[in-house]
C-alpha atoms as a PDB file:
ATOM      1  CA  MET A   1      33.356  11.504   3.419  1.00  0.00           C
ATOM      2  CA  SER A   2      30.245  10.015   3.709  1.00  0.00           C
ATOM      3  CA  VAL A   3      28.384   8.546  -0.022  1.00  0.00           C
ATOM      4  CA  HIS A   4      26.063  10.532  -0.553  1.00  0.00           C
ATOM      5  CA  THR A   5      28.313  14.157  -0.288  1.00  0.00           C
ATOM      6  CA  LEU A   6      30.669  12.875  -3.072  1.00  0.00           C
ATOM      7  CA  GLU A   7      30.182  14.217  -6.637  1.00  0.00           C
ATOM      8  CA  ARG A   8      27.539  12.780  -8.594  1.00  0.00           C
ATOM      9  CA  PRO A   9      28.308  12.336 -12.431  1.00  0.00           C
ATOM     10  CA  PRO A  10      26.236  14.478 -14.819  1.00  0.00           C
ATOM     11  CA  THR A  11      25.465  11.900 -17.193  1.00  0.00           C
ATOM     12  CA  LEU A  12      22.590  10.959 -14.406  1.00  0.00           C
ATOM     13  CA  PRO A  13      19.497  10.201 -15.822  1.00  0.00           C
ATOM     14  CA  LEU A  14      16.250  12.415 -14.586  1.00  0.00           C
ATOM     15  CA  SER A  15      14.076   9.407 -15.350  1.00  0.00           C
ATOM     16  CA  PHE A  16      14.050   6.340 -17.008  1.00  0.00           C
ATOM     17  CA  GLU A  17      12.270   5.150 -20.392  1.00  0.00           C
ATOM     18  CA  ASN A  18      11.870   1.441 -18.796  1.00  0.00           C
ATOM     19  CA  SER A  19      12.212   1.243 -15.014  1.00  0.00           C
ATOM     20  CA  LEU A  20      10.183  -0.392 -11.846  1.00  0.00           C
ATOM     21  CA  MET A  21       9.506   1.583  -8.690  1.00  0.00           C
ATOM     22  CA  PHE A  22      10.010  -0.247  -5.448  1.00  0.00           C
ATOM     23  CA  GLU A  23       7.923   1.343  -2.265  1.00  0.00           C
ATOM     24  CA  HIS A  24       9.085   0.100   1.267  1.00  0.00           C
ATOM     25  CA  PRO A  25       7.433   1.056   4.463  1.00  0.00           C
ATOM     26  CA  LEU A  26       9.197   2.920   7.093  1.00  0.00           C
ATOM     27  CA  SER A  27       6.590   2.880   9.948  1.00  0.00           C
ATOM     28  CA  GLU A  28       4.280  -0.064  10.781  1.00  0.00           C
ATOM     29  CA  ARG A  29       1.478   2.255  10.357  1.00  0.00           C
ATOM     30  CA  VAL A  30       2.858   2.949   6.413  1.00  0.00           C
ATOM     31  CA  ARG A  31       2.959  -0.994   6.251  1.00  0.00           C
ATOM     32  CA  THR A  32      -0.598  -1.848   7.537  1.00  0.00           C
ATOM     33  CA  TRP A  33      -2.135   1.063   5.008  1.00  0.00           C
ATOM     34  CA  LEU A  34       0.481  -0.748   2.233  1.00  0.00           C
ATOM     35  CA  ARG A  35      -0.751  -4.061   2.443  1.00  0.00           C
ATOM     36  CA  LEU A  36      -4.636  -3.043   2.995  1.00  0.00           C
ATOM     37  CA  GLU A  37      -4.240  -0.949  -0.574  1.00  0.00           C
ATOM     38  CA  GLU A  38      -3.154  -3.732  -2.262  1.00  0.00           C
ATOM     39  CA  LEU A  39      -5.464  -6.333  -0.741  1.00  0.00           C
ATOM     40  CA  PHE A  40      -8.392  -4.003  -1.797  1.00  0.00           C
ATOM     41  CA  SER A  41      -6.871  -4.096  -4.924  1.00  0.00           C
ATOM     42  CA  ARG A  42      -6.712  -7.336  -5.331  1.00  0.00           C
ATOM     43  CA  THR A  43     -10.047  -8.512  -4.036  1.00  0.00           C
ATOM     44  CA  HIS A  44     -11.855  -5.902  -6.340  1.00  0.00           C
ATOM     45  CA  ALA A  45      -9.863  -7.132  -9.468  1.00  0.00           C
ATOM     46  CA  HIS A  46     -11.187 -10.784  -8.649  1.00  0.00           C
ATOM     47  CA  ALA A  47     -14.473  -9.600  -7.890  1.00  0.00           C
ATOM     48  CA  ALA A  48     -14.545  -7.892 -11.202  1.00  0.00           C
ATOM     49  CA  ARG A  49     -14.059 -11.309 -13.159  1.00  0.00           C
ATOM     50  CA  ARG A  50     -16.505 -13.889 -14.384  1.00  0.00           C
ATOM     51  CA  GLU A  51     -15.501 -17.182 -12.898  1.00  0.00           C
ATOM     52  CA  ALA A  52     -16.757 -18.432 -10.078  1.00  0.00           C
ATOM     53  CA  MET A  53     -12.821 -19.249  -8.697  1.00  0.00           C
ATOM     54  CA  ASP A  54     -11.985 -15.720  -9.191  1.00  0.00           C
ATOM     55  CA  HIS A  55     -15.126 -14.591  -7.194  1.00  0.00           C
ATOM     56  CA  ARG A  56     -13.943 -17.503  -4.776  1.00  0.00           C
ATOM     57  CA  ALA A  57     -10.688 -15.642  -3.942  1.00  0.00           C
ATOM     58  CA  ALA A  58     -12.265 -12.113  -3.811  1.00  0.00           C
ATOM     59  CA  LEU A  59     -14.125 -13.434  -0.759  1.00  0.00           C
ATOM     60  CA  MET A  60     -10.776 -14.498   0.407  1.00  0.00           C
ATOM     61  CA  GLY A  61      -9.399 -11.201  -0.150  1.00  0.00           C
ATOM     62  CA  LEU A  62     -11.894  -9.973   1.892  1.00  0.00           C
ATOM     63  CA  PHE A  63     -11.042 -12.390   5.083  1.00  0.00           C
ATOM     64  CA  ASP A  64      -7.469 -10.867   4.459  1.00  0.00           C
ATOM     65  CA  VAL A  65      -8.561  -7.330   4.725  1.00  0.00           C
ATOM     66  CA  ILE A  66     -10.366  -7.576   8.048  1.00  0.00           C
ATOM     67  CA  ASP A  67      -7.685  -9.706   9.288  1.00  0.00           C
ATOM     68  CA  THR A  68      -4.926  -6.906   8.865  1.00  0.00           C
ATOM     69  CA  ALA A  69      -7.335  -4.067  10.103  1.00  0.00           C
ATOM     70  CA  THR A  70      -7.703  -5.782  13.052  1.00  0.00           C
ATOM     71  CA  ARG A  71      -4.821  -6.594  13.968  1.00  0.00           C
ATOM     72  CA  SER A  72      -4.025  -2.506  15.360  1.00  0.00           C
ATOM     73  CA  ASP A  73      -6.935   0.073  16.358  1.00  0.00           C
ATOM     74  CA  ILE A  74      -6.642   1.196  12.540  1.00  0.00           C
ATOM     75  CA  LYS A  75      -9.689   3.108  12.738  1.00  0.00           C
ATOM     76  CA  THR A  76      -8.178   5.089  15.187  1.00  0.00           C
ATOM     77  CA  ASP A  77      -4.831   5.726  13.625  1.00  0.00           C
ATOM     78  CA  LEU A  78      -6.866   6.513  10.040  1.00  0.00           C
ATOM     79  CA  LEU A  79      -9.061   9.563  12.078  1.00  0.00           C
ATOM     80  CA  ALA A  80      -5.833  10.940  13.927  1.00  0.00           C
ATOM     81  CA  GLU A  81      -3.992  11.570  10.484  1.00  0.00           C
ATOM     82  CA  LEU A  82      -6.927  12.711   8.517  1.00  0.00           C
ATOM     83  CA  ASP A  83      -7.840  15.015  11.182  1.00  0.00           C
ATOM     84  CA  ARG A  84      -4.223  16.463  11.239  1.00  0.00           C
ATOM     85  CA  GLN A  85      -3.997  16.878   8.021  1.00  0.00           C
ATOM     86  CA  ARG A  86      -7.532  18.292   7.832  1.00  0.00           C
ATOM     87  CA  SER A  87      -6.146  20.812  10.086  1.00  0.00           C
ATOM     88  CA  ILE A  88      -2.867  21.231   7.940  1.00  0.00           C
ATOM     89  CA  TRP A  89      -4.882  22.250   4.797  1.00  0.00           C
ATOM     90  CA  THR A  90      -7.478  24.285   6.218  1.00  0.00           C
ATOM     91  CA  ALA A  91      -4.630  26.913   7.145  1.00  0.00           C
ATOM     92  CA  GLN A  92      -3.549  27.013   4.133  1.00  0.00           C
ATOM     93  CA  LEU A  93      -6.966  28.343   2.672  1.00  0.00           C
ATOM     94  CA  ASP A  94      -5.644  32.188   3.375  1.00  0.00           C
ATOM     95  CA  ASN A  95      -2.577  31.664   1.045  1.00  0.00           C
ATOM     96  CA  PRO A  96      -2.421  33.612  -2.179  1.00  0.00           C
ATOM     97  CA  ASP A  97      -0.461  31.195  -3.436  1.00  0.00           C
ATOM     98  CA  VAL A  98      -2.980  28.569  -3.105  1.00  0.00           C
ATOM     99  CA  ALA A  99      -5.970  28.010  -5.340  1.00  0.00           C
ATOM    100  CA  ARG A 100      -8.456  28.395  -2.899  1.00  0.00           C
ATOM    101  CA  GLU A 101     -11.419  26.139  -4.718  1.00  0.00           C
ATOM    102  CA  ALA A 102      -9.769  23.407  -5.551  1.00  0.00           C
ATOM    103  CA  LEU A 103      -8.540  23.236  -1.424  1.00  0.00           C
ATOM    104  CA  GLU A 104     -12.123  23.704  -0.866  1.00  0.00           C
ATOM    105  CA  GLU A 105     -13.096  20.654  -2.891  1.00  0.00           C
ATOM    106  CA  PHE A 106      -9.934  18.843  -1.475  1.00  0.00           C
ATOM    107  CA  LEU A 107     -11.648  19.326   2.304  1.00  0.00           C
ATOM    108  CA  ALA A 108     -14.797  18.395   1.659  1.00  0.00           C
ATOM    109  CA  ASP A 109     -13.819  15.055   0.608  1.00  0.00           C
ATOM    110  CA  VAL A 110     -11.580  14.846   3.503  1.00  0.00           C
ATOM    111  CA  GLU A 111     -14.694  15.829   5.355  1.00  0.00           C
ATOM    112  CA  THR A 112     -17.000  13.015   3.695  1.00  0.00           C
ATOM    113  CA  VAL A 113     -13.921  10.263   4.400  1.00  0.00           C
ATOM    114  CA  ILE A 114     -14.176  11.111   8.121  1.00  0.00           C
ATOM    115  CA  HIS A 115     -17.889  11.098   8.356  1.00  0.00           C
ATOM    116  CA  ASP A 116     -17.964   8.016   6.864  1.00  0.00           C
ATOM    117  CA  LEU A 117     -15.164   6.165   8.908  1.00  0.00           C
ATOM    118  CA  HIS A 118     -16.743   7.917  12.281  1.00  0.00           C
ATOM    119  CA  SER A 119     -20.100   6.681  11.185  1.00  0.00           C
ATOM    120  CA  GLN A 120     -18.528   2.908  11.144  1.00  0.00           C
ATOM    121  CA  ILE A 121     -20.616   1.081  14.029  1.00  0.00           C
ATOM    122  CA  GLY A 122     -18.175  -1.573  15.690  1.00  0.00           C
ATOM    123  CA  LYS A 123     -15.330  -3.799  14.811  1.00  0.00           C
ATOM    124  CA  ILE A 124     -14.337  -3.783  11.107  1.00  0.00           C
ATOM    125  CA  GLY A 125     -16.017  -6.700   9.011  1.00  0.00           C
ATOM    126  CA  GLN A 126     -18.370  -7.562  11.358  1.00  0.00           C
ATOM    127  CA  HIS A 127     -20.978  -8.326   8.758  1.00  0.00           C
ATOM    128  CA  LEU A 128     -18.857 -11.133   8.096  1.00  0.00           C
ATOM    129  CA  ARG A 129     -18.170 -12.233  11.368  1.00  0.00           C
ATOM    130  CA  ASP A 130     -22.231 -12.484  11.699  1.00  0.00           C
ATOM    131  CA  SER A 131     -22.263 -15.000   9.563  1.00  0.00           C
ATOM    132  CA  ASP A 132     -21.654 -18.972  10.484  1.00  0.00           C
ATOM    133  CA  TRP A 133     -20.990 -19.894   6.903  1.00  0.00           C
ATOM    134  CA  LEU A 134     -18.732 -17.199   6.015  1.00  0.00           C
ATOM    135  CA  GLN A 135     -16.958 -17.714   9.469  1.00  0.00           C
ATOM    136  CA  ALA A 136     -16.375 -21.222   8.827  1.00  0.00           C
ATOM    137  CA  VAL A 137     -15.000 -20.872   5.209  1.00  0.00           C
ATOM    138  CA  ARG A 138     -12.683 -18.176   7.221  1.00  0.00           C
ATOM    139  CA  GLN A 139     -11.579 -20.523   9.832  1.00  0.00           C
ATOM    140  CA  ARG A 140     -11.103 -23.424   6.975  1.00  0.00           C
ATOM    141  CA  ASP A 141      -9.191 -21.164   4.699  1.00  0.00           C
ATOM    142  CA  ALA A 142      -6.352 -20.658   7.205  1.00  0.00           C
ATOM    143  CA  SER A 143      -5.637 -24.635   6.764  1.00  0.00           C
ATOM    144  CA  PRO A 144      -3.850 -25.156   3.147  1.00  0.00           C
ATOM    145  CA  GLY A 145      -6.403 -26.524   1.908  1.00  0.00           C
ATOM    146  CA  GLY A 146      -9.007 -26.465   3.922  1.00  0.00           C
ATOM    147  CA  ALA A 147     -11.676 -24.559   2.386  1.00  0.00           C
ATOM    148  CA  CYS A 148     -12.183 -26.533  -0.572  1.00  0.00           C
ATOM    149  CA  VAL A 149     -15.922 -26.926  -1.381  1.00  0.00           C
ATOM    150  CA  PHE A 150     -16.272 -30.559  -0.273  1.00  0.00           C
ATOM    151  CA  GLU A 151     -15.814 -29.793   3.071  1.00  0.00           C
ATOM    152  CA  LEU A 152     -17.533 -26.476   2.797  1.00  0.00           C
ATOM    153  CA  PRO A 153     -21.553 -27.153   1.248  1.00  0.00           C
ATOM    154  CA  MET A 154     -22.294 -23.665   1.800  1.00  0.00           C
ATOM    155  CA  LEU A 155     -19.608 -22.060  -0.208  1.00  0.00           C
ATOM    156  CA  MET A 156     -20.160 -24.384  -3.063  1.00  0.00           C
ATOM    157  CA  SER A 157     -23.976 -23.926  -2.806  1.00  0.00           C
ATOM    158  CA  TRP A 158     -22.642 -19.839  -3.400  1.00  0.00           C
ATOM    159  CA  LEU A 159     -20.144 -20.594  -6.018  1.00  0.00           C
ATOM    160  CA  GLN A 160     -22.730 -22.362  -8.321  1.00  0.00           C
ATOM    161  CA  ASN A 161     -24.634 -19.063  -8.458  1.00  0.00           C
ATOM    162  CA  SER A 162     -24.733 -17.295 -11.576  1.00  0.00           C
ATOM    163  CA  GLU A 163     -22.121 -14.619 -12.091  1.00  0.00           C
ATOM    164  CA  ILE A 164     -24.672 -11.386 -12.007  1.00  0.00           C
ATOM    165  CA  GLU A 165     -26.036 -12.656  -7.932  1.00  0.00           C
ATOM    166  CA  ARG A 166     -22.123 -13.634  -6.902  1.00  0.00           C
ATOM    167  CA  LYS A 167     -21.218 -10.225  -8.082  1.00  0.00           C
ATOM    168  CA  GLU A 168     -24.095  -8.454  -6.187  1.00  0.00           C
ATOM    169  CA  THR A 169     -23.102 -10.556  -3.125  1.00  0.00           C
ATOM    170  CA  LEU A 170     -19.543  -9.708  -3.217  1.00  0.00           C
ATOM    171  CA  LYS A 171     -20.778  -6.199  -3.702  1.00  0.00           C
ATOM    172  CA  ALA A 172     -22.518  -6.326  -0.441  1.00  0.00           C
ATOM    173  CA  TRP A 173     -19.973  -7.808   1.639  1.00  0.00           C
ATOM    174  CA  LEU A 174     -17.358  -5.001   0.001  1.00  0.00           C
ATOM    175  CA  ALA A 175     -20.052  -1.948   0.831  1.00  0.00           C
ATOM    176  CA  PRO A 176     -19.321  -1.567   4.824  1.00  0.00           C
ATOM    177  CA  LEU A 177     -15.698  -1.695   4.209  1.00  0.00           C
ATOM    178  CA  VAL A 178     -15.482   1.291   1.923  1.00  0.00           C
ATOM    179  CA  PRO A 179     -15.322   3.940   4.303  1.00  0.00           C
ATOM    180  CA  LEU A 180     -11.830   2.162   5.313  1.00  0.00           C
ATOM    181  CA  GLU A 181     -10.051   1.738   1.931  1.00  0.00           C
ATOM    182  CA  GLU A 182     -11.213   5.885   1.128  1.00  0.00           C
ATOM    183  CA  ALA A 183      -9.405   6.529   4.342  1.00  0.00           C
ATOM    184  CA  VAL A 184      -6.386   4.644   3.399  1.00  0.00           C
ATOM    185  CA  LEU A 185      -6.409   5.265  -0.366  1.00  0.00           C
ATOM    186  CA  LEU A 186      -6.973   9.396   0.612  1.00  0.00           C
ATOM    187  CA  ILE A 187      -3.506   8.990   3.312  1.00  0.00           C
ATOM    188  CA  LEU A 188      -1.338   7.277   1.154  1.00  0.00           C
ATOM    189  CA  ARG A 189      -2.209   9.561  -1.760  1.00  0.00           C
ATOM    190  CA  LEU A 190      -0.939  12.538   0.247  1.00  0.00           C
ATOM    191  CA  LEU A 191       2.013  10.842   1.480  1.00  0.00           C
ATOM    192  CA  ARG A 192       2.800   9.924  -2.200  1.00  0.00           C
ATOM    193  CA  GLU A 193       2.428  13.560  -3.118  1.00  0.00           C
ATOM    194  CA  SER A 194       5.194  14.897  -0.201  1.00  0.00           C
ATOM    195  CA  SER A 195       7.787  12.630  -1.748  1.00  0.00           C
ATOM    196  CA  GLN A 196      10.983  14.722  -1.776  1.00  0.00           C
ATOM    197  CA  THR A 197      12.449  13.134  -5.246  1.00  0.00           C
ATOM    198  CA  THR A 198      16.379  13.341  -5.937  1.00  0.00           C
ATOM    199  CA  THR A 199      17.981  11.297  -8.230  1.00  0.00           C
ATOM    200  CA  GLU A 200      21.571   9.577  -6.699  1.00  0.00           C
ATOM    201  CA  LEU A 201      23.942   7.496  -7.061  1.00  0.00           C
ATOM    202  CA  ALA A 202      24.769   4.067  -5.432  1.00  0.00           C
ATOM    203  CA  ARG A 203      28.707   3.224  -5.549  1.00  0.00           C
ATOM    204  CA  GLN A 204      29.341  -0.221  -5.700  1.00  0.00           C
ATOM    205  CA  GLY A 205      25.533  -1.194  -5.054  1.00  0.00           C
ATOM    206  CA  ASN A 206      25.311   0.832  -1.625  1.00  0.00           C
ATOM    207  CA  PHE A 207      23.824   4.331  -0.950  1.00  0.00           C
ATOM    208  CA  HIS A 208      23.579   6.540   2.174  1.00  0.00           C
ATOM    209  CA  ARG A 209      22.140   9.783   3.360  1.00  0.00           C
ATOM    210  CA  ALA A 210      21.959  11.633   6.526  1.00  0.00           C
ATOM    211  CA  LEU A 211      18.665  13.005   7.090  1.00  0.00           C
ATOM    212  CA  MET A 212      18.091  16.254   8.348  1.00  0.00           C
ATOM    213  CA  ASN A 213      14.549  16.604   8.511  1.00  0.00           C
ATOM    214  CA  ALA A 214      12.142  17.525  11.220  1.00  0.00           C
ATOM    215  CA  ARG A 215       9.578  14.573  10.371  1.00  0.00           C
ATOM    216  CA  PRO A 216      11.545  11.040   9.897  1.00  0.00           C
ATOM    217  CA  PRO A 217      10.290   9.712   6.418  1.00  0.00           C
ATOM    218  CA  MET A 218       7.414   7.522   6.603  1.00  0.00           C
ATOM    219  CA  LEU A 219       8.094   5.876   2.804  1.00  0.00           C
ATOM    220  CA  ALA A 220      10.861   5.443   0.344  1.00  0.00           C
ATOM    221  CA  THR A 221      10.222   5.203  -2.942  1.00  0.00           C
ATOM    222  CA  ILE A 222      13.592   3.838  -5.449  1.00  0.00           C
ATOM    223  CA  GLU A 223      13.077   3.842  -8.983  1.00  0.00           C
ATOM    224  CA  VAL A 224      15.764   1.714 -10.940  1.00  0.00           C
ATOM    225  CA  GLU A 225      16.067   0.799 -14.677  1.00  0.00           C
ATOM    226  CA  ALA A 226      13.814  -2.660 -15.613  1.00  0.00           C
ATOM    227  CA  ASP A 227      16.670  -3.862 -17.313  1.00  0.00           C
ATOM    228  CA  GLN A 228      19.283  -3.807 -14.624  1.00  0.00           C
ATOM    229  CA  HIS A 229      17.841  -6.790 -12.479  1.00  0.00           C
ATOM    230  CA  LEU A 230      18.109  -4.820  -9.647  1.00  0.00           C
ATOM    231  CA  VAL A 231      15.956  -4.830  -6.088  1.00  0.00           C
ATOM    232  CA  PRO A 232      16.397  -2.533  -3.065  1.00  0.00           C
ATOM    233  CA  GLU A 233      17.277  -3.303   0.594  1.00  0.00           C
ATOM    234  CA  VAL A 234      15.970   0.022   2.369  1.00  0.00           C
ATOM    235  CA  SER A 235      16.803   0.729   6.261  1.00  0.00           C
ATOM    236  CA  ALA A 236      16.082   4.142   7.718  1.00  0.00           C
ATOM    237  CA  ASN A 237      15.610   5.964  11.147  1.00  0.00           C
ATOM    238  CA  LYS A 238      15.203   9.800  12.103  1.00  0.00           C
ATOM    239  CA  TYR A 239      19.019   9.907  11.316  1.00  0.00           C
ATOM    240  CA  THR A 240      19.731   7.880   8.412  1.00  0.00           C
ATOM    241  CA  VAL A 241      18.381   6.188   5.253  1.00  0.00           C
ATOM    242  CA  ASN A 242      20.681   3.333   3.895  1.00  0.00           C
ATOM    243  CA  VAL A 243      20.060   1.489   0.262  1.00  0.00           C
ATOM    244  CA  ARG A 244      21.724  -1.916  -1.111  1.00  0.00           C
ATOM    245  CA  PHE A 245      20.717  -3.054  -4.449  1.00  0.00           C
ATOM    246  CA  LEU A 246      21.053  -6.914  -5.047  1.00  0.00           C
ATOM    247  CA  GLU A 247      20.872  -8.411  -8.372  1.00  0.00           C
ATOM    248  CA  HIS A 248      19.418 -11.309  -9.487  1.00  0.00           C
ATOM    249  CA  GLY A 249      20.336 -11.637 -13.069  1.00  0.00           C
ATOM    250  CA  GLY A 250      16.823 -12.063 -13.956  1.00  0.00           C
ATOM    251  CA  GLN A 251      16.377 -15.550 -13.317  1.00  0.00           C
ATOM    252  CA  PHE A 252      13.040 -17.057 -11.706  1.00  0.00           C
ATOM    253  CA  VAL A 253      13.027 -20.636 -12.255  1.00  0.00           C
ATOM    254  CA  GLY A 254      15.149 -22.554  -9.954  1.00  0.00           C
ATOM    255  CA  VAL A 255      16.869 -21.475  -7.346  1.00  0.00           C
ATOM    256  CA  VAL A 256      17.354 -17.768  -6.699  1.00  0.00           C
ATOM    257  CA  ARG A 257      19.637 -16.476  -4.662  1.00  0.00           C
ATOM    258  CA  ALA A 258      19.480 -12.072  -4.907  1.00  0.00           C
ATOM    259  CA  LEU A 259      23.627 -11.221  -3.961  1.00  0.00           C
ATOM    260  CA  PRO A 260      24.588  -7.694  -3.411  1.00  0.00           C
ATOM    261  CA  THR A 261      25.989  -5.649  -6.649  1.00  0.00           C
ATOM    262  CA  GLN A 262      29.339  -4.557  -7.081  1.00  0.00           C
ATOM    263  CA  ARG A 263      28.184  -2.241  -9.854  1.00  0.00           C
ATOM    264  CA  SER A 264      27.149   1.673  -9.498  1.00  0.00           C
ATOM    265  CA  VAL A 265      23.646   1.546  -9.640  1.00  0.00           C
ATOM    266  CA  PRO A 266      21.788   5.297 -10.811  1.00  0.00           C
ATOM    267  CA  PHE A 267      18.215   5.619  -9.243  1.00  0.00           C
ATOM    268  CA  ARG A 268      15.904   7.750  -7.896  1.00  0.00           C
ATOM    269  CA  LEU A 269      14.957   8.109  -4.266  1.00  0.00           C
ATOM    270  CA  GLY A 270      11.487   9.525  -3.405  1.00  0.00           C
ATOM    271  CA  LEU A 271      11.599  10.456   0.549  1.00  0.00           C
ATOM    272  CA  CYS A 272       7.673  10.575   1.833  1.00  0.00           C
ATOM    273  CA  ALA A 273       7.010  12.142   5.382  1.00  0.00           C
ATOM    274  CA  PHE A 274       3.469  14.461   6.148  1.00  0.00           C
END
C-alpha cells in the first residue's frame, strides 16, 4: 500500500496558527519566473529606501534581473502562456456561473500585459547595455568586490547624487522592465490560484503520491508549522510527487546540517497546474 493511501488521523489541522510556506518549482520555466519575481521584489525594496548603499544594491538587482531574463527566450514563453490563458478564460465568458463583469476586467488586464510585452523592442535590458559605465559596473560586479567605488568613478559620482536624483534614475532604469515584471507576476498569480490543496501526513518524514491529472504540476507548495524546524525536499514528475522533510533544530550558527526526520509530519500540500 502506498503512503498516500493510508488512513489519515482525524486530528490533522486544516491550517496552522504559525506556519511556513515553501514553494518548489517543478519545471524550469517556473523556476525562472520565481527567480525574476524575487529579484524584482528585492530590487524594488532597495530602490524604495533612502541610503546610497541601498540604491547601489538596487542597481545590482537590475543586473541580476537582466542576466536571469536573458538565459532563455523568456519573452516568447511568457507571451505563449498569456495567449493560452486568454483563450481559456475567454471561453468562460458565456458560462452563467462566472461573474462576467469581473472576467471581462481580468481579460482586459491580460490584453494590456500582452500588448505591453509585445511592444518591447530588442533584447531585455538593452537600455542598460547601451551605457558604457553601467556595463563596466555590471562586468566588475561579477567578481567579488570588483564593483568597489574606487575602481568605478562614475558609480561613485552617481552615488553622491541626492536621494531624489538616485531614485529618479532607478525609476527610469526600471521602467522598460515593467512589462516583463507584470507578465511574470500575472502568470504566477494564475498558477498559484490553480492550486489543489490537501492536508497530508508524511510518515517518518516521507510522503509519496501518484498523480492522476492530465497536466503535471508546475509548482508545489508545502505549508508546515514554523516551530517544527523542518524544511521540505520535493521532487516530482508527471506520475508522482515525493516530499521528504529534513530537520535543523532551529540552529543557524556554526555548521548546520539538516537531517531526515523520523517524525510524522502534518502538512498542507498544494499542487499548481494550469
